[in-house]
Amino acid sequence: MALRVFITFAIVASVIGSTVPSYNTPAPTYHAPPPTYNAPAPSYHAPAPSEPAQYDFNYAVNHDYSSNDYSHQENRNGYDTQGSYHVLLPDGRVQRVTYTVNGDSGYVAQVTYEGEAQYSAPRPSTSYQPAPAYA
């Protein structure tokens, strides 16, 4: 009886083994098609400005709810640039910067502060709770 079972399993194993597909087939090849667009080549040579730069701009923000208070204004005519800006600092002071740029003199700034720095008293954190002490 045991011999019959062994022979049956041997026959079944040989049939199953002969129907297992082979995974040693070569991978398919892919050849990408050539691009079909006719775009011009990029150019990184921007034309030189024909005239010296000349502009005026300014902006200002004054939002009481968020305590945002700042502005900036600048005008330029050729190589002569003048401007100023101010910003409300976290300590309550206002920082004002007036600057000029003229040719080879570089960026020349005059910085002033208005008001006196105000620091609030430190508050204890409400999220930290010390561990209980056991005696």
N, C-alpha and C. Protein backbone atom coordinates (compact mmCIF):
# COMPACT_ATOMS: atom_id res chain seq x y z
N MET A 1 0.82 -1.18 0.00
CA MET A 1 0.00 0.00 0.00
C MET A 1 0.87 1.25 0.00
N ALA A 2 1.89 1.22 0.79
CA ALA A 2 2.76 2.37 0.86
C ALA A 2 3.47 2.58 -0.45
N LEU A 3 3.77 1.48 -1.14
CA LEU A 3 4.45 1.60 -2.41
C LEU A 3 3.54 2.25 -3.45
N ARG A 4 2.24 1.92 -3.44
CA ARG A 4 1.30 2.52 -4.37
C ARG A 4 1.18 4.03 -4.14
N VAL A 5 1.12 4.45 -2.90
CA VAL A 5 1.02 5.88 -2.57
C VAL A 5 2.28 6.60 -3.01
N PHE A 6 3.43 5.98 -2.80
CA PHE A 6 4.69 6.59 -3.21
C PHE A 6 4.75 6.76 -4.72
N ILE A 7 4.34 5.71 -5.46
CA ILE A 7 4.36 5.78 -6.93
C ILE A 7 3.37 6.82 -7.42
N THR A 8 2.21 6.91 -6.81
CA THR A 8 1.21 7.91 -7.20
C THR A 8 1.75 9.32 -7.00
N PHE A 9 2.37 9.56 -5.85
CA PHE A 9 2.96 10.89 -5.60
C PHE A 9 4.09 11.18 -6.56
N ALA A 10 4.88 10.20 -6.92
CA ALA A 10 5.98 10.39 -7.87
C ALA A 10 5.43 10.76 -9.24
N ILE A 11 4.35 10.10 -9.66
CA ILE A 11 3.76 10.41 -10.97
C ILE A 11 3.17 11.82 -10.96
N VAL A 12 2.45 12.14 -9.90
CA VAL A 12 1.83 13.48 -9.79
C VAL A 12 2.92 14.55 -9.77
N ALA A 13 4.01 14.34 -9.05
CA ALA A 13 5.10 15.32 -8.98
C ALA A 13 5.76 15.49 -10.32
N SER A 14 5.91 14.42 -11.07
CA SER A 14 6.55 14.56 -12.39
C SER A 14 5.64 15.29 -13.36
N VAL A 15 4.32 15.08 -13.26
CA VAL A 15 3.38 15.79 -14.13
C VAL A 15 3.37 17.27 -13.78
N ILE A 16 3.33 17.58 -12.51
CA ILE A 16 3.32 18.98 -12.09
C ILE A 16 4.64 19.65 -12.45
N GLY A 17 5.73 18.97 -12.26
CA GLY A 17 7.04 19.52 -12.59
C GLY A 17 7.20 19.80 -14.07
N SER A 18 6.55 19.02 -14.91
CA SER A 18 6.71 19.24 -16.35
C SER A 18 5.82 20.37 -16.85
N THR A 19 4.80 20.80 -16.08
CA THR A 19 3.90 21.87 -16.53
C THR A 19 4.26 23.21 -15.92
N VAL A 20 5.28 23.29 -15.10
CA VAL A 20 5.68 24.57 -14.49
C VAL A 20 6.34 25.42 -15.57
N PRO A 21 5.90 26.66 -15.75
CA PRO A 21 6.49 27.50 -16.80
C PRO A 21 7.91 27.90 -16.44
N SER A 22 8.69 28.16 -17.45
CA SER A 22 10.07 28.59 -17.26
C SER A 22 10.11 30.11 -17.16
N TYR A 23 10.85 30.62 -16.18
CA TYR A 23 10.94 32.06 -15.97
C TYR A 23 12.27 32.61 -16.49
N ASN A 24 12.94 31.89 -17.32
CA ASN A 24 14.22 32.32 -17.84
C ASN A 24 14.09 32.96 -19.22
N THR A 25 12.94 33.52 -19.54
CA THR A 25 12.76 34.17 -20.83
C THR A 25 13.41 35.55 -20.79
N PRO A 26 13.96 36.01 -21.91
CA PRO A 26 14.61 37.33 -21.90
C PRO A 26 13.58 38.44 -21.76
N ALA A 27 14.01 39.54 -21.14
CA ALA A 27 13.13 40.69 -20.94
C ALA A 27 12.88 41.37 -22.28
N PRO A 28 11.68 41.90 -22.48
CA PRO A 28 11.41 42.59 -23.74
C PRO A 28 12.23 43.88 -23.83
N THR A 29 12.59 44.26 -25.02
CA THR A 29 13.35 45.49 -25.22
C THR A 29 12.41 46.63 -25.55
N TYR A 30 12.82 47.84 -25.17
CA TYR A 30 12.00 49.04 -25.42
C TYR A 30 12.87 50.07 -26.11
N HIS A 31 12.38 50.59 -27.19
CA HIS A 31 13.07 51.65 -27.92
C HIS A 31 12.18 52.88 -27.91
N ALA A 32 12.64 53.93 -27.21
CA ALA A 32 11.85 55.15 -27.10
C ALA A 32 11.79 55.84 -28.46
N PRO A 33 10.61 56.34 -28.83
CA PRO A 33 10.51 57.04 -30.09
C PRO A 33 11.21 58.40 -30.00
N PRO A 34 11.70 58.92 -31.11
CA PRO A 34 12.35 60.24 -31.07
C PRO A 34 11.30 61.32 -30.81
N PRO A 35 11.71 62.44 -30.18
CA PRO A 35 10.74 63.51 -29.91
C PRO A 35 10.21 64.09 -31.22
N THR A 36 8.95 64.54 -31.20
CA THR A 36 8.32 65.04 -32.42
C THR A 36 7.97 66.52 -32.33
N TYR A 37 8.59 67.27 -31.46
CA TYR A 37 8.29 68.70 -31.35
C TYR A 37 9.42 69.50 -31.99
N ASN A 38 9.10 70.70 -32.39
CA ASN A 38 10.08 71.58 -33.03
C ASN A 38 10.19 72.87 -32.23
N ALA A 39 10.60 72.78 -30.99
CA ALA A 39 10.74 73.96 -30.13
C ALA A 39 12.08 74.63 -30.40
N PRO A 40 12.10 75.96 -30.30
CA PRO A 40 13.39 76.63 -30.49
C PRO A 40 14.33 76.33 -29.33
N ALA A 41 15.60 76.38 -29.59
CA ALA A 41 16.60 76.15 -28.54
C ALA A 41 16.53 77.28 -27.53
N PRO A 42 16.68 76.99 -26.22
CA PRO A 42 16.63 78.06 -25.23
C PRO A 42 17.81 79.01 -25.38
N SER A 43 17.53 80.27 -25.10
CA SER A 43 18.58 81.29 -25.18
C SER A 43 18.76 81.90 -23.80
N TYR A 44 19.98 81.94 -23.32
CA TYR A 44 20.28 82.49 -22.01
C TYR A 44 20.97 83.84 -22.12
N HIS A 45 20.92 84.42 -23.28
CA HIS A 45 21.58 85.71 -23.49
C HIS A 45 20.50 86.79 -23.61
N ALA A 46 20.11 87.33 -22.46
CA ALA A 46 19.10 88.38 -22.45
C ALA A 46 19.69 89.65 -23.05
N PRO A 47 18.88 90.43 -23.73
CA PRO A 47 19.43 91.66 -24.30
C PRO A 47 19.81 92.65 -23.20
N ALA A 48 20.86 93.38 -23.44
CA ALA A 48 21.31 94.38 -22.48
C ALA A 48 20.31 95.52 -22.43
N PRO A 49 20.06 96.09 -21.24
CA PRO A 49 19.11 97.21 -21.18
C PRO A 49 19.64 98.38 -22.01
N SER A 50 18.71 99.03 -22.69
CA SER A 50 19.13 100.14 -23.55
C SER A 50 19.22 101.45 -22.78
N GLU A 51 18.55 101.53 -21.63
CA GLU A 51 18.57 102.74 -20.81
C GLU A 51 18.86 102.37 -19.36
N PRO A 52 19.35 103.33 -18.58
CA PRO A 52 19.54 103.06 -17.15
C PRO A 52 18.18 102.82 -16.47
N ALA A 53 18.20 102.04 -15.40
CA ALA A 53 16.96 101.74 -14.68
C ALA A 53 16.38 103.00 -14.06
N GLN A 54 15.05 103.07 -14.08
CA GLN A 54 14.38 104.22 -13.47
C GLN A 54 13.02 103.74 -12.96
N TYR A 55 12.81 103.85 -11.64
CA TYR A 55 11.53 103.41 -11.07
C TYR A 55 11.30 104.07 -9.73
N ASP A 56 10.07 104.00 -9.27
CA ASP A 56 9.61 104.43 -7.94
C ASP A 56 8.67 103.35 -7.43
N PHE A 57 8.82 102.94 -6.18
CA PHE A 57 7.83 102.03 -5.60
C PHE A 57 7.73 102.29 -4.11
N ASN A 58 6.59 101.89 -3.55
CA ASN A 58 6.41 101.96 -2.10
C ASN A 58 5.27 101.03 -1.71
N TYR A 59 5.29 100.62 -0.46
CA TYR A 59 4.19 99.85 0.11
C TYR A 59 4.21 100.07 1.62
N ALA A 60 3.07 99.82 2.23
CA ALA A 60 2.96 100.00 3.68
C ALA A 60 1.92 99.02 4.22
N VAL A 61 2.16 98.52 5.41
CA VAL A 61 1.23 97.64 6.11
C VAL A 61 1.10 98.17 7.53
N ASN A 62 -0.13 98.38 7.97
CA ASN A 62 -0.39 98.78 9.35
C ASN A 62 -1.63 98.03 9.80
N HIS A 63 -1.41 96.91 10.48
CA HIS A 63 -2.50 96.03 10.90
C HIS A 63 -2.47 95.95 12.43
N ASP A 64 -3.37 96.68 13.06
CA ASP A 64 -3.37 96.77 14.52
C ASP A 64 -3.61 95.42 15.19
N TYR A 65 -4.49 94.61 14.65
CA TYR A 65 -4.83 93.35 15.30
C TYR A 65 -3.62 92.44 15.46
N SER A 66 -2.76 92.37 14.42
CA SER A 66 -1.59 91.50 14.49
C SER A 66 -0.32 92.26 14.86
N SER A 67 -0.41 93.55 15.10
CA SER A 67 0.73 94.42 15.43
C SER A 67 1.77 94.47 14.31
N ASN A 68 1.33 94.28 13.08
CA ASN A 68 2.23 94.43 11.94
C ASN A 68 2.23 95.88 11.49
N ASP A 69 3.40 96.49 11.48
CA ASP A 69 3.54 97.87 11.03
C ASP A 69 4.89 97.99 10.35
N TYR A 70 4.87 98.07 9.03
CA TYR A 70 6.12 98.22 8.29
C TYR A 70 5.83 98.87 6.94
N SER A 71 6.86 99.46 6.35
CA SER A 71 6.71 100.08 5.03
C SER A 71 8.08 100.13 4.37
N HIS A 72 8.05 100.38 3.07
CA HIS A 72 9.28 100.48 2.28
C HIS A 72 9.00 101.39 1.10
N GLN A 73 9.90 102.27 0.81
CA GLN A 73 9.81 103.12 -0.38
C GLN A 73 11.20 103.26 -0.96
N GLU A 74 11.26 103.26 -2.30
CA GLU A 74 12.55 103.37 -2.97
C GLU A 74 12.34 104.02 -4.32
N ASN A 75 13.30 104.85 -4.73
CA ASN A 75 13.30 105.37 -6.09
C ASN A 75 14.70 105.27 -6.64
N ARG A 76 14.75 105.05 -7.95
CA ARG A 76 16.03 104.86 -8.61
C ARG A 76 16.02 105.59 -9.95
N ASN A 77 17.14 106.22 -10.22
CA ASN A 77 17.33 106.88 -11.49
C ASN A 77 18.76 106.58 -11.93
N GLY A 78 18.91 105.63 -12.84
CA GLY A 78 20.24 105.20 -13.26
C GLY A 78 20.92 104.43 -12.14
N TYR A 79 22.10 104.91 -11.72
CA TYR A 79 22.83 104.25 -10.64
C TYR A 79 22.58 104.91 -9.29
N ASP A 80 21.77 105.95 -9.25
CA ASP A 80 21.47 106.66 -8.00
C ASP A 80 20.19 106.10 -7.41
N THR A 81 20.31 105.44 -6.25
CA THR A 81 19.15 104.84 -5.59
C THR A 81 19.03 105.40 -4.19
N GLN A 82 17.81 105.76 -3.81
CA GLN A 82 17.52 106.25 -2.47
C GLN A 82 16.26 105.57 -1.96
N GLY A 83 16.25 105.26 -0.67
CA GLY A 83 15.08 104.61 -0.12
C GLY A 83 15.09 104.61 1.38
N SER A 84 13.98 104.13 1.93
CA SER A 84 13.86 104.01 3.39
C SER A 84 12.82 102.94 3.69
N TYR A 85 12.95 102.36 4.87
CA TYR A 85 11.93 101.43 5.35
C TYR A 85 11.90 101.48 6.86
N HIS A 86 10.77 101.05 7.42
CA HIS A 86 10.67 100.96 8.87
C HIS A 86 9.91 99.69 9.22
N VAL A 87 10.18 99.20 10.43
CA VAL A 87 9.54 97.98 10.90
C VAL A 87 9.36 98.09 12.41
N LEU A 88 8.22 97.58 12.89
CA LEU A 88 7.95 97.55 14.33
C LEU A 88 8.61 96.30 14.89
N LEU A 89 9.55 96.48 15.82
CA LEU A 89 10.29 95.36 16.40
C LEU A 89 9.46 94.69 17.50
N PRO A 90 9.77 93.43 17.83
CA PRO A 90 9.02 92.72 18.88
C PRO A 90 9.11 93.39 20.25
N ASP A 91 10.17 94.16 20.49
CA ASP A 91 10.30 94.81 21.80
C ASP A 91 9.58 96.16 21.86
N GLY A 92 8.82 96.52 20.82
CA GLY A 92 8.02 97.74 20.83
C GLY A 92 8.68 98.93 20.16
N ARG A 93 9.95 98.85 19.82
CA ARG A 93 10.62 99.97 19.15
C ARG A 93 10.33 99.94 17.65
N VAL A 94 10.55 101.07 17.01
CA VAL A 94 10.43 101.17 15.56
C VAL A 94 11.84 101.37 15.02
N GLN A 95 12.25 100.51 14.10
CA GLN A 95 13.55 100.64 13.46
C GLN A 95 13.34 101.31 12.11
N ARG A 96 14.05 102.41 11.87
CA ARG A 96 13.98 103.14 10.61
C ARG A 96 15.34 103.07 9.93
N VAL A 97 15.34 102.74 8.66
CA VAL A 97 16.56 102.66 7.88
C VAL A 97 16.39 103.55 6.65
N THR A 98 17.31 104.48 6.48
CA THR A 98 17.36 105.33 5.29
C THR A 98 18.66 104.98 4.58
N TYR A 99 18.60 104.74 3.27
CA TYR A 99 19.79 104.29 2.57
C TYR A 99 19.92 104.97 1.22
N THR A 100 21.15 104.96 0.74
CA THR A 100 21.47 105.44 -0.60
C THR A 100 22.46 104.48 -1.23
N VAL A 101 22.39 104.38 -2.54
CA VAL A 101 23.36 103.61 -3.31
C VAL A 101 23.67 104.47 -4.52
N ASN A 102 24.96 104.80 -4.68
CA ASN A 102 25.33 105.65 -5.79
C ASN A 102 26.66 105.18 -6.36
N GLY A 103 26.58 104.45 -7.47
CA GLY A 103 27.79 104.01 -8.16
C GLY A 103 28.71 103.18 -7.29
N ASP A 104 29.98 103.63 -7.16
CA ASP A 104 30.99 102.87 -6.43
C ASP A 104 30.94 103.07 -4.93
N SER A 105 30.08 103.96 -4.43
CA SER A 105 30.05 104.20 -2.98
C SER A 105 29.41 103.04 -2.23
N GLY A 106 28.66 102.18 -2.93
CA GLY A 106 28.05 101.03 -2.29
C GLY A 106 26.79 101.40 -1.53
N TYR A 107 26.32 100.49 -0.70
CA TYR A 107 25.10 100.65 0.09
C TYR A 107 25.47 101.39 1.37
N VAL A 108 24.92 102.60 1.55
CA VAL A 108 25.18 103.40 2.74
C VAL A 108 23.87 103.56 3.48
N ALA A 109 23.80 103.04 4.71
CA ALA A 109 22.55 103.06 5.46
C ALA A 109 22.72 103.84 6.76
N GLN A 110 21.64 104.51 7.13
CA GLN A 110 21.58 105.18 8.43
C GLN A 110 20.41 104.53 9.18
N VAL A 111 20.71 103.93 10.33
CA VAL A 111 19.72 103.19 11.10
C VAL A 111 19.42 103.94 12.38
N THR A 112 18.13 104.17 12.66
CA THR A 112 17.72 104.82 13.90
C THR A 112 16.62 103.98 14.55
N TYR A 113 16.47 104.16 15.85
CA TYR A 113 15.43 103.47 16.61
C TYR A 113 14.60 104.49 17.34
N GLU A 114 13.30 104.29 17.35
CA GLU A 114 12.39 105.17 18.08
C GLU A 114 11.74 104.37 19.20
N GLY A 115 11.60 105.02 20.34
CA GLY A 115 10.99 104.35 21.48
C GLY A 115 12.01 103.64 22.33
N GLU A 116 11.52 103.01 23.39
CA GLU A 116 12.38 102.29 24.31
C GLU A 116 11.90 100.84 24.37
N ALA A 117 12.85 99.93 24.43
CA ALA A 117 12.50 98.51 24.44
C ALA A 117 11.70 98.17 25.68
N GLN A 118 10.61 97.44 25.50
CA GLN A 118 9.74 97.02 26.60
C GLN A 118 9.69 95.50 26.61
N TYR A 119 10.05 94.94 27.74
CA TYR A 119 10.02 93.49 27.88
C TYR A 119 9.01 93.14 28.96
N SER A 120 8.10 92.23 28.64
CA SER A 120 7.11 91.82 29.63
C SER A 120 7.75 90.87 30.63
N ALA A 121 7.14 90.79 31.79
CA ALA A 121 7.65 89.90 32.83
C ALA A 121 7.48 88.45 32.37
N PRO A 122 8.44 87.61 32.66
CA PRO A 122 8.30 86.21 32.24
C PRO A 122 7.12 85.56 32.96
N ARG A 123 6.38 84.76 32.22
CA ARG A 123 5.23 84.07 32.80
C ARG A 123 5.56 82.60 32.94
N PRO A 124 5.12 81.99 34.04
CA PRO A 124 5.37 80.54 34.18
C PRO A 124 4.56 79.76 33.16
N SER A 125 5.11 78.68 32.73
CA SER A 125 4.43 77.83 31.77
C SER A 125 3.28 77.11 32.46
N THR A 126 2.16 77.03 31.77
CA THR A 126 1.00 76.34 32.36
C THR A 126 1.01 74.86 32.00
N SER A 127 1.86 74.45 31.07
CA SER A 127 1.85 73.05 30.66
C SER A 127 2.77 72.19 31.53
N TYR A 128 3.70 72.79 32.25
CA TYR A 128 4.63 72.01 33.06
C TYR A 128 4.08 71.86 34.47
N GLN A 129 4.02 70.65 34.95
CA GLN A 129 3.60 70.37 36.32
C GLN A 129 4.71 69.55 36.98
N PRO A 130 5.29 70.03 38.08
CA PRO A 130 6.35 69.26 38.72
C PRO A 130 5.82 67.92 39.25
N ALA A 131 6.71 66.96 39.30
CA ALA A 131 6.33 65.63 39.82
C ALA A 131 6.11 65.74 41.33
N PRO A 132 5.17 64.99 41.85
CA PRO A 132 4.92 65.05 43.29
C PRO A 132 6.12 64.52 44.08
N ALA A 133 6.37 65.16 45.20
CA ALA A 133 7.48 64.73 46.06
C ALA A 133 6.93 63.77 47.12
N TYR A 134 7.61 62.67 47.30
CA TYR A 134 7.19 61.67 48.28
C TYR A 134 8.18 61.70 49.44
N ALA A 135 7.63 61.65 50.63
CA ALA A 135 8.47 61.68 51.82
C ALA A 135 8.61 60.31 52.42
